[in-house]
C-alpha atoms as a PDB file:
ATOM      1  CA  MET A   1       0.115  -0.320   0.190  1.00  0.00           C
ATOM      2  CA  ARG A   2       2.472   1.995   0.960  1.00  0.00           C
ATOM      3  CA  ILE A   3       4.222   1.626  -2.407  1.00  0.00           C
ATOM      4  CA  ARG A   4       1.563   2.416  -4.612  1.00  0.00           C
ATOM      5  CA  ARG A   5       1.239   6.007  -2.722  1.00  0.00           C
ATOM      6  CA  LEU A   6       4.861   7.051  -3.364  1.00  0.00           C
ATOM      7  CA  LEU A   7       4.464   5.686  -6.752  1.00  0.00           C
ATOM      8  CA  CYS A   8       1.134   7.928  -7.035  1.00  0.00           C
ATOM      9  CA  LEU A   9       2.936  10.642  -5.808  1.00  0.00           C
ATOM     10  CA  ALA A  10       6.212  10.666  -8.091  1.00  0.00           C
ATOM     11  CA  LEU A  11       3.649  10.161 -10.647  1.00  0.00           C
ATOM     12  CA  ALA A  12       1.729  13.658  -9.631  1.00  0.00           C
ATOM     13  CA  ALA A  13       5.116  15.269  -9.039  1.00  0.00           C
ATOM     14  CA  ALA A  14       6.316  14.443 -13.306  1.00  0.00           C
ATOM     15  CA  THR A  15       2.940  15.359 -14.340  1.00  0.00           C
ATOM     16  CA  LEU A  16       3.319  18.761 -12.856  1.00  0.00           C
ATOM     17  CA  ALA A  17       6.990  18.838 -13.782  1.00  0.00           C
ATOM     18  CA  GLY A  18       6.087  18.327 -17.653  1.00  0.00           C
ATOM     19  CA  ALA A  19       3.060  20.871 -17.639  1.00  0.00           C
ATOM     20  CA  SER A  20       5.381  23.172 -16.055  1.00  0.00           C
ATOM     21  CA  ALA A  21       8.387  22.534 -18.445  1.00  0.00           C
ATOM     22  CA  LEU A  22       5.228  23.192 -21.303  1.00  0.00           C
ATOM     23  CA  GLY A  23       3.829  26.527 -20.187  1.00  0.00           C
ATOM     24  CA  ALA A  24       7.684  27.560 -19.711  1.00  0.00           C
ATOM     25  CA  VAL A  25       7.740  26.911 -23.448  1.00  0.00           C
ATOM     26  CA  SER A  26       4.531  27.912 -24.361  1.00  0.00           C
ATOM     27  CA  ALA A  27       5.630  31.796 -23.208  1.00  0.00           C
ATOM     28  CA  GLN A  28       8.647  31.520 -24.938  1.00  0.00           C
ATOM     29  CA  ALA A  29       7.144  31.089 -28.070  1.00  0.00           C
ATOM     30  CA  ALA A  30       4.568  33.787 -26.902  1.00  0.00           C
ATOM     31  CA  ALA A  31       7.508  36.334 -26.526  1.00  0.00           C
ATOM     32  CA  SER A  32       9.540  36.041 -28.815  1.00  0.00           C
ATOM     33  CA  ALA A  33       6.782  36.194 -31.859  1.00  0.00           C
ATOM     34  CA  THR A  34       7.463  39.107 -34.010  1.00  0.00           C
ATOM     35  CA  ILE A  35       6.293  41.775 -36.382  1.00  0.00           C
ATOM     36  CA  THR A  36       6.864  44.498 -39.232  1.00  0.00           C
ATOM     37  CA  ARG A  37       5.825  47.770 -38.802  1.00  0.00           C
ATOM     38  CA  ASP A  38       3.612  46.593 -42.080  1.00  0.00           C
ATOM     39  CA  GLU A  39       1.766  44.263 -40.945  1.00  0.00           C
ATOM     40  CA  CYS A  40       1.387  45.907 -37.145  1.00  0.00           C
ATOM     41  CA  THR A  41      -0.764  48.978 -38.505  1.00  0.00           C
ATOM     42  CA  ALA A  42      -2.254  46.702 -41.033  1.00  0.00           C
ATOM     43  CA  ALA A  43      -3.282  44.907 -38.074  1.00  0.00           C
ATOM     44  CA  GLY A  44      -5.246  48.292 -36.593  1.00  0.00           C
ATOM     45  CA  GLY A  45      -1.724  47.944 -34.250  1.00  0.00           C
ATOM     46  CA  GLN A  46       0.206  50.628 -33.342  1.00  0.00           C
ATOM     47  CA  VAL A  47       3.904  51.100 -33.351  1.00  0.00           C
ATOM     48  CA  VAL A  48       5.295  51.742 -29.759  1.00  0.00           C
ATOM     49  CA  SER A  49       8.881  53.331 -28.688  1.00  0.00           C
ATOM     50  CA  ILE A  50      10.586  51.886 -25.561  1.00  0.00           C
ATOM     51  CA  PRO A  51      13.785  53.501 -24.045  1.00  0.00           C
ATOM     52  CA  TYR A  52      16.798  51.480 -24.632  1.00  0.00           C
ATOM     53  CA  GLY A  53      13.989  48.595 -25.863  1.00  0.00           C
ATOM     54  CA  GLY A  54      13.604  48.947 -29.356  1.00  0.00           C
ATOM     55  CA  TYR A  55       9.853  49.210 -31.089  1.00  0.00           C
ATOM     56  CA  VAL A  56       6.938  47.227 -29.808  1.00  0.00           C
ATOM     57  CA  CYS A  57       3.258  47.191 -31.684  1.00  0.00           C
ATOM     58  CA  THR A  58      -0.074  47.396 -29.740  1.00  0.00           C
ATOM     59  CA  LEU A  59      -1.474  44.747 -31.135  1.00  0.00           C
ATOM     60  CA  PRO A  60      -5.932  46.443 -30.472  1.00  0.00           C
ATOM     61  CA  ASP A  61      -6.545  42.675 -27.911  1.00  0.00           C
ATOM     62  CA  GLY A  62      -3.623  44.690 -26.180  1.00  0.00           C
ATOM     63  CA  THR A  63      -0.874  41.927 -27.029  1.00  0.00           C
ATOM     64  CA  ARG A  64       2.069  43.683 -27.549  1.00  0.00           C
ATOM     65  CA  GLN A  65       4.791  41.821 -30.222  1.00  0.00           C
ATOM     66  CA  THR A  66       8.649  42.846 -30.832  1.00  0.00           C
ATOM     67  CA  ILE A  67       9.101  44.883 -34.374  1.00  0.00           C
ATOM     68  CA  THR A  68      11.791  43.479 -36.413  1.00  0.00           C
END
């Protein structure tokens, strides 16, 4: 009975670790999305200058993407 409990805990920990790793990869993919100035304005976005950070596109839905 104790072994079964330990195996369940190990499986739960592995599942949580896998989910957090997947979330980190998804967040990185979302953060590294880029867009051109023309694509930004065509999508209804606004190009904004960030001090020491370059330019970003702020889209109408509130998301921000870096300008390439």
